[in-house]
């Protein structure tokens, strides 16, 4: 599965290599589409790009998603630890090493 993902990502970057690079030299004859180039704050002509879209309630949405999944993960791990202890698969020793 990992090798398939690696091959697909490599094929994607090789195929789209011309569109991901900056427009510094002459265009190749085999390029079939527009070449997208985005620098941090300006276009290749020097124009300032508009501000990125701000997601409203970004932190609130993150908390709404993260907290329930942390709670569910906590419940799963607690119940699995109780199951292991019940079947004595992994039980810590109660030895006193206070010599």
C-alpha atoms as a PDB file:
ATOM      1  CA  UNK A   1       0.000   0.000   0.000  1.00  0.00           C
ATOM      2  CA  UNK A   2       2.834   2.392   0.834  1.00  0.00           C
ATOM      3  CA  UNK A   3       4.609   1.639  -2.437  1.00  0.00           C
ATOM      4  CA  UNK A   4       1.413   2.369  -4.361  1.00  0.00           C
ATOM      5  CA  UNK A   5       1.073   5.727  -2.617  1.00  0.00           C
ATOM      6  CA  UNK A   6       4.722   6.527  -3.322  1.00  0.00           C
ATOM      7  CA  UNK A   7       4.357   5.640  -7.012  1.00  0.00           C
ATOM      8  CA  UNK A   8       1.197   7.718  -7.362  1.00  0.00           C
ATOM      9  CA  UNK A   9       2.704  10.758  -5.656  1.00  0.00           C
ATOM     10  CA  UNK A  10       5.883  10.476  -7.732  1.00  0.00           C
ATOM     11  CA  UNK A  11       3.834  10.243 -10.937  1.00  0.00           C
ATOM     12  CA  UNK A  12       1.770  13.267  -9.880  1.00  0.00           C
ATOM     13  CA  UNK A  13       4.822  15.415  -9.202  1.00  0.00           C
ATOM     14  CA  UNK A  14       6.589  14.344 -12.387  1.00  0.00           C
ATOM     15  CA  UNK A  15       3.502  15.044 -14.495  1.00  0.00           C
ATOM     16  CA  UNK A  16       2.783  18.372 -12.815  1.00  0.00           C
ATOM     17  CA  UNK A  17       6.408  19.437 -12.451  1.00  0.00           C
ATOM     18  CA  UNK A  18       6.109  22.159 -15.055  1.00  0.00           C
ATOM     19  CA  UNK A  19       3.048  23.665 -13.402  1.00  0.00           C
ATOM     20  CA  UNK A  20       4.586  23.650  -9.920  1.00  0.00           C
ATOM     21  CA  UNK A  21       7.831  25.371 -10.908  1.00  0.00           C
ATOM     22  CA  UNK A  22       8.319  29.116 -11.150  1.00  0.00           C
ATOM     23  CA  UNK A  23       8.136  30.876 -14.495  1.00  0.00           C
ATOM     24  CA  UNK A  24      11.806  31.805 -14.755  1.00  0.00           C
ATOM     25  CA  UNK A  25      12.665  30.609 -18.237  1.00  0.00           C
ATOM     26  CA  UNK A  26      11.034  30.010 -21.572  1.00  0.00           C
ATOM     27  CA  UNK A  27       8.088  27.656 -21.644  1.00  0.00           C
ATOM     28  CA  UNK A  28       8.643  24.177 -22.961  1.00  0.00           C
ATOM     29  CA  UNK A  29       6.856  23.134 -26.111  1.00  0.00           C
ATOM     30  CA  UNK A  30       5.247  20.095 -24.408  1.00  0.00           C
ATOM     31  CA  UNK A  31       3.454  22.093 -21.685  1.00  0.00           C
ATOM     32  CA  UNK A  32      -0.266  21.670 -22.278  1.00  0.00           C
ATOM     33  CA  UNK A  33      -1.851  23.938 -19.687  1.00  0.00           C
ATOM     34  CA  UNK A  34      -1.319  27.185 -17.865  1.00  0.00           C
ATOM     35  CA  UNK A  35       1.639  27.306 -15.552  1.00  0.00           C
ATOM     36  CA  UNK A  36       0.511  28.217 -12.040  1.00  0.00           C
ATOM     37  CA  UNK A  37       3.019  30.128 -10.002  1.00  0.00           C
ATOM     38  CA  UNK A  38       2.293  31.613  -6.608  1.00  0.00           C
ATOM     39  CA  UNK A  39       4.892  33.333  -4.514  1.00  0.00           C
ATOM     40  CA  UNK A  40       4.271  34.414  -0.946  1.00  0.00           C
ATOM     41  CA  UNK A  41       2.714  37.845  -1.476  1.00  0.00           C
ATOM     42  CA  UNK A  42       2.998  38.826  -5.129  1.00  0.00           C
ATOM     43  CA  UNK A  43       2.488  37.514  -8.642  1.00  0.00           C
ATOM     44  CA  UNK A  44       5.246  37.255 -11.243  1.00  0.00           C
ATOM     45  CA  UNK A  45       4.243  40.684 -12.591  1.00  0.00           C
ATOM     46  CA  UNK A  46       4.636  42.212  -9.116  1.00  0.00           C
ATOM     47  CA  UNK A  47       0.975  42.650  -8.217  1.00  0.00           C
ATOM     48  CA  UNK A  48       0.031  42.081  -4.587  1.00  0.00           C
ATOM     49  CA  UNK A  49      -2.205  39.068  -4.074  1.00  0.00           C
ATOM     50  CA  UNK A  50      -5.452  39.367  -2.108  1.00  0.00           C
ATOM     51  CA  UNK A  51      -5.598  38.180   1.485  1.00  0.00           C
ATOM     52  CA  UNK A  52      -6.248  34.447   1.908  1.00  0.00           C
ATOM     53  CA  UNK A  53      -9.733  33.384   2.872  1.00  0.00           C
ATOM     54  CA  UNK A  54     -10.132  33.287   6.644  1.00  0.00           C
ATOM     55  CA  UNK A  55     -12.162  30.397   8.000  1.00  0.00           C
ATOM     56  CA  UNK A  56     -14.717  31.707  10.498  1.00  0.00           C
ATOM     57  CA  UNK A  57     -14.754  29.965  13.877  1.00  0.00           C
ATOM     58  CA  UNK A  58     -11.588  28.013  12.979  1.00  0.00           C
ATOM     59  CA  UNK A  59     -10.535  27.386  16.570  1.00  0.00           C
ATOM     60  CA  UNK A  60     -14.084  26.524  17.610  1.00  0.00           C
ATOM     61  CA  UNK A  61     -14.439  24.021  14.783  1.00  0.00           C
ATOM     62  CA  UNK A  62     -11.113  22.455  15.699  1.00  0.00           C
ATOM     63  CA  UNK A  63     -12.190  22.054  19.339  1.00  0.00           C
ATOM     64  CA  UNK A  64     -15.553  20.590  18.280  1.00  0.00           C
ATOM     65  CA  UNK A  65     -13.715  17.920  16.260  1.00  0.00           C
ATOM     66  CA  UNK A  66     -10.700  17.207  18.492  1.00  0.00           C
ATOM     67  CA  UNK A  67     -12.327  16.958  21.934  1.00  0.00           C
ATOM     68  CA  UNK A  68     -14.866  14.197  21.094  1.00  0.00           C
ATOM     69  CA  UNK A  69     -12.238  12.081  19.349  1.00  0.00           C
ATOM     70  CA  UNK A  70      -9.826  12.465  22.276  1.00  0.00           C
ATOM     71  CA  UNK A  71     -12.620  11.406  24.624  1.00  0.00           C
ATOM     72  CA  UNK A  72     -13.533   8.379  22.477  1.00  0.00           C
ATOM     73  CA  UNK A  73      -9.857   7.388  22.264  1.00  0.00           C
ATOM     74  CA  UNK A  74      -9.580   7.689  26.025  1.00  0.00           C
ATOM     75  CA  UNK A  75     -12.621   5.430  26.533  1.00  0.00           C
ATOM     76  CA  UNK A  76     -11.299   2.821  24.088  1.00  0.00           C
ATOM     77  CA  UNK A  77      -7.874   2.678  25.725  1.00  0.00           C
ATOM     78  CA  UNK A  78      -9.359   2.526  29.240  1.00  0.00           C
ATOM     79  CA  UNK A  79     -11.713  -0.322  28.324  1.00  0.00           C
ATOM     80  CA  UNK A  80      -8.946  -2.233  26.519  1.00  0.00           C
ATOM     81  CA  UNK A  81      -6.636  -1.880  29.530  1.00  0.00           C
ATOM     82  CA  UNK A  82      -9.423  -3.221  31.776  1.00  0.00           C
ATOM     83  CA  UNK A  83      -9.956  -6.140  29.380  1.00  0.00           C
ATOM     84  CA  UNK A  84      -6.245  -7.005  29.446  1.00  0.00           C
ATOM     85  CA  UNK A  85      -6.187  -6.886  33.226  1.00  0.00           C
ATOM     86  CA  UNK A  86      -9.354  -8.981  33.494  1.00  0.00           C
ATOM     87  CA  UNK A  87      -7.853 -11.750  31.368  1.00  0.00           C
ATOM     88  CA  UNK A  88      -4.503 -11.368  33.145  1.00  0.00           C
ATOM     89  CA  UNK A  89      -2.674 -10.774  29.885  1.00  0.00           C
ATOM     90  CA  UNK A  90      -0.831  -7.769  31.215  1.00  0.00           C
ATOM     91  CA  UNK A  91      -1.007  -7.287  34.952  1.00  0.00           C
ATOM     92  CA  UNK A  92       1.631  -5.265  36.791  1.00  0.00           C
ATOM     93  CA  UNK A  93       3.397  -7.076  39.602  1.00  0.00           C
ATOM     94  CA  UNK A  94       2.581  -6.062  43.156  1.00  0.00           C
ATOM     95  CA  UNK A  95       6.097  -6.746  44.434  1.00  0.00           C
ATOM     96  CA  UNK A  96       7.464  -4.482  47.097  1.00  0.00           C
ATOM     97  CA  UNK A  97      11.073  -3.589  46.377  1.00  0.00           C
ATOM     98  CA  UNK A  98      11.610  -1.649  49.602  1.00  0.00           C
ATOM     99  CA  UNK A  99      14.630  -3.645  50.787  1.00  0.00           C
END
